[in-house]
Structure formats: C-alpha cells, structure tokens
Amino acid sequence: MTEADERREVWITGVGLISSLGTDAVVHKTHFETGKGRVVDEARYAPYPVHPLVSLDWSKQIPKNSDQRQMETWQRIGVYAAGLALADAGIAGKPELLDKTNLVVAAGSGERDTKVDCDVLEAIHSDDETALLAKSVLPSALRPTLFLAQLSNMLAGNISIVHHVTGSSRTFMGEESGAFAAAENAFRRISAGQADMILIGGALNAEREDLLLGYEIGHNLWRGPFKPVQERSNHGGGFIPGSVGAFLTLEARAHAEARGAKAYARLTSIMTDYTVRREGDIARALTQLFERILPHIHTGRLPVWGGASGVEPATTEELAFLDLLPAYGIAPDIHIYGDELGHSVEAHFFAGLALAALAAKSEAQRDSRGPESARHALVTGAGHWRGEALALIEAIG
C-alpha cells in the first residue's frame, strides 16, 4: 500500500464566514450565485476604499460582555466566525467533541492603540526626551498585560476561552503565507492520523487607520473608486482591504461518519511555496504546484476561486498562471472573490476555502451527468508580498 493510499480523507464539516456581505454561509453562497450586493465604503478612509464588516450582534457568539470588552475588533471577528463554524459542524456545546478539537489560527500582531500612538507623536514635538516620555505615557495609557499591539496568539486563546475548544493550539504569523501554512499544517496532520478534528481560520479588521497606514507605507493599497482586481494592474495595482472572519472545521472522514456529521466537501490537497519572487517566480511556482495536483483532477470545467489581491506584480503572475490552465485540458471558471469581500490577508485563503466548499456542495447536488457539473474546485493564493498556495476541493456524493 502506498503512502497516498494510507492517507485519511479530510472533510470540511463546518463553515463560519462573516464579511461585508453578511454573517452566515447561505448569504455568501447566494451572493456569489447572483453577483448582487457588493458593499464598499469609499468615503470613510478616502482615498482608500474598504469593505466594512456587516453590522452584527457580538453577543450571539460572545455572550459575556467582559469577554467582548477585553478583545479588540479583530479578535471579536475571529471568535464570532469560529463559533459559527463550530455550530455548523455540530460541535458547539458538546464538551466530548470540543475537548479533542484542535485549533490552528493565522493571525497578525493585533491592533495598535491609535490614540496612544497619536498622543506620543504629538508630545514628541514639544519634548526631546523621547525615552522619558515613553516611560511616562505608556504605563498610564495602556491597559494591563497589553503593549502597543496585541499578541497574535490572543485570538486562539479567546476562541478557547469563549467556545471551550481545549485541544492543542497553534498560531501562524506571516500574513497570507501564515494562512497557507496553517491550512497545510492542519490538512497534513489529519491526513497522517495525528488529529481527528481541527478548527482553522483567521480574521482581519480592515477598518483601522493603523493597518491602512502600514500597508500604504509599503505601497500596497488601491487608491480611488472601486475597480475589480483584474483592472487595477494598468494603474499600479493595490488591494482593497476587507473585514473578514473565516473559519472551517476539518475532520477525518471516519470520525465525521462515526458521529453522523455531514460534509460540505472533501479537501483533497494543499500545496504551498515561498519563492524569492524574481520575475516569473510566482507563475512558475503555481504551475509546479498545479502539476502535482493535476493527477487528482478530471479535465473539463474547473471552478477556480482566485485569491488575487490586486497588488503587483503578484496579481499579474497569478492571473498568468490561470491563463495556462487550458493547456492542461482545463476550462477554468474563475471567481476572484476579493472583488466581493475585499482582501483580508490572514483570513483570505480560508475565505476562499469556505466559498469553494459551499459551491462544491451545490455542485454535488446537481445531476453529475450534466454538462455544467464539476467535481473539483481550485483555490489559489499568492500573498501580496510573499507566499504561494493551491488547494483542491472535491465534491462528495
């Protein structure tokens, strides 16, 4: 028996997705089927457009006000989406399952206290003793246990506290590449029999002046009125941030079947790379990853959930890779989902996996002999600065 034969099937049994479009999987699925209802705020942070988070009641997934108060918005987004995924998988409120649910999160370093930063900068103008100033301002301005930015693993910690997820916990940093690594890590652990259930995901609060400042300094943001990702390259490129929380429960098939859980789709493969990014590196890396996945794919129509950010040259190379697919007998049906959600950095790849899984379940419900059916879906990712990834989703049934 080969190593591939011994690998366990990995099922996606729960989806939690919140964004500018809404707070549940059905809303997102309907939006991408109809193409109506994109939400973009072009005025609040002009000249930078943002996809703002839909208004929601945090208490539906974070019941205690004390828990809500000690979290910044990015954490509340993640904890809320994680709760949706656990409920969707039928795990929420069941200690016997939560005790063995592992957690793998992709996270940034958290939100800075913008008011404190501004106070320090203003005071510096009138005082040359910067070191003494920091010692006098910071202890009185910051809450206990917090420095200027919250620790990345506080998201995982709050998910564990609020939802009682008490298995192992891992946090990956590194923007989009952190998400690629987190998803691959969880997939391989379940495949190898090292875990039965893993909750994976990430969150981004895009409505932050400190975040916009950081990405603008790196020349990563799109300025001006909204344009689709594919139309930005001729104007210098750039991404439009979107507030998103995206979590999924991954589960070994045998474990899911034993507890009577249903699956959205099978996660067949995840491949990642981290190129130097000389000219052509991204397209070459994605092509090489695809050729490793290709034996699993039937030729014909292939839905592609493209994670292109809009930043150049990464976006042009990711789209160039997609242009190569017909040479392999593939007819790609491309959805650049960032056009609807915005680019959500650590959460973006997870959102693509979630959307592909939702679509795969619909595909499985169609007549498999029909010309429009497609058994597989491809999720692509090319980080705006580093990291490349492909994931293959397969319909069940």
Foldseek 3Di string as FASTA:
>chain_A
DDLLVLFFWKFFQFKFKWWLQGGDLVSVLVCVVVVDDFAWDCPPPAQAIASATDDDDLCVQQVDPVLVVVDDPQLSQQLSRLSRRCVSNVNFPPLVRLQQEEEEEEFEQAAFPVVLVVVLVVVVVVDVPSVVSCVVRQVVPDDPPDHRGHGGCVSVVSSCVRRVRNHHYYYFYDWQQSLLVRVQVVSVCNRVVVGFKYKYFGWFRPPGPVVVVVCVVVVAADTHDDDDLVPLVVVQWHFRYITMTIMTMMGGPVVCVVVVGDGLWIFDDKDKDWDPDDPLPQLVVVLVVVVVVVVVADAEEAEEAEQQGGHPPQNVSSVVNVVCVVVVNHDYDYDPPCSRRIRHGRRRQSVSVSNQSNVLSVLLPDDCPDNPHGFKYKYWDAHSVIMTMIIIIGRDD
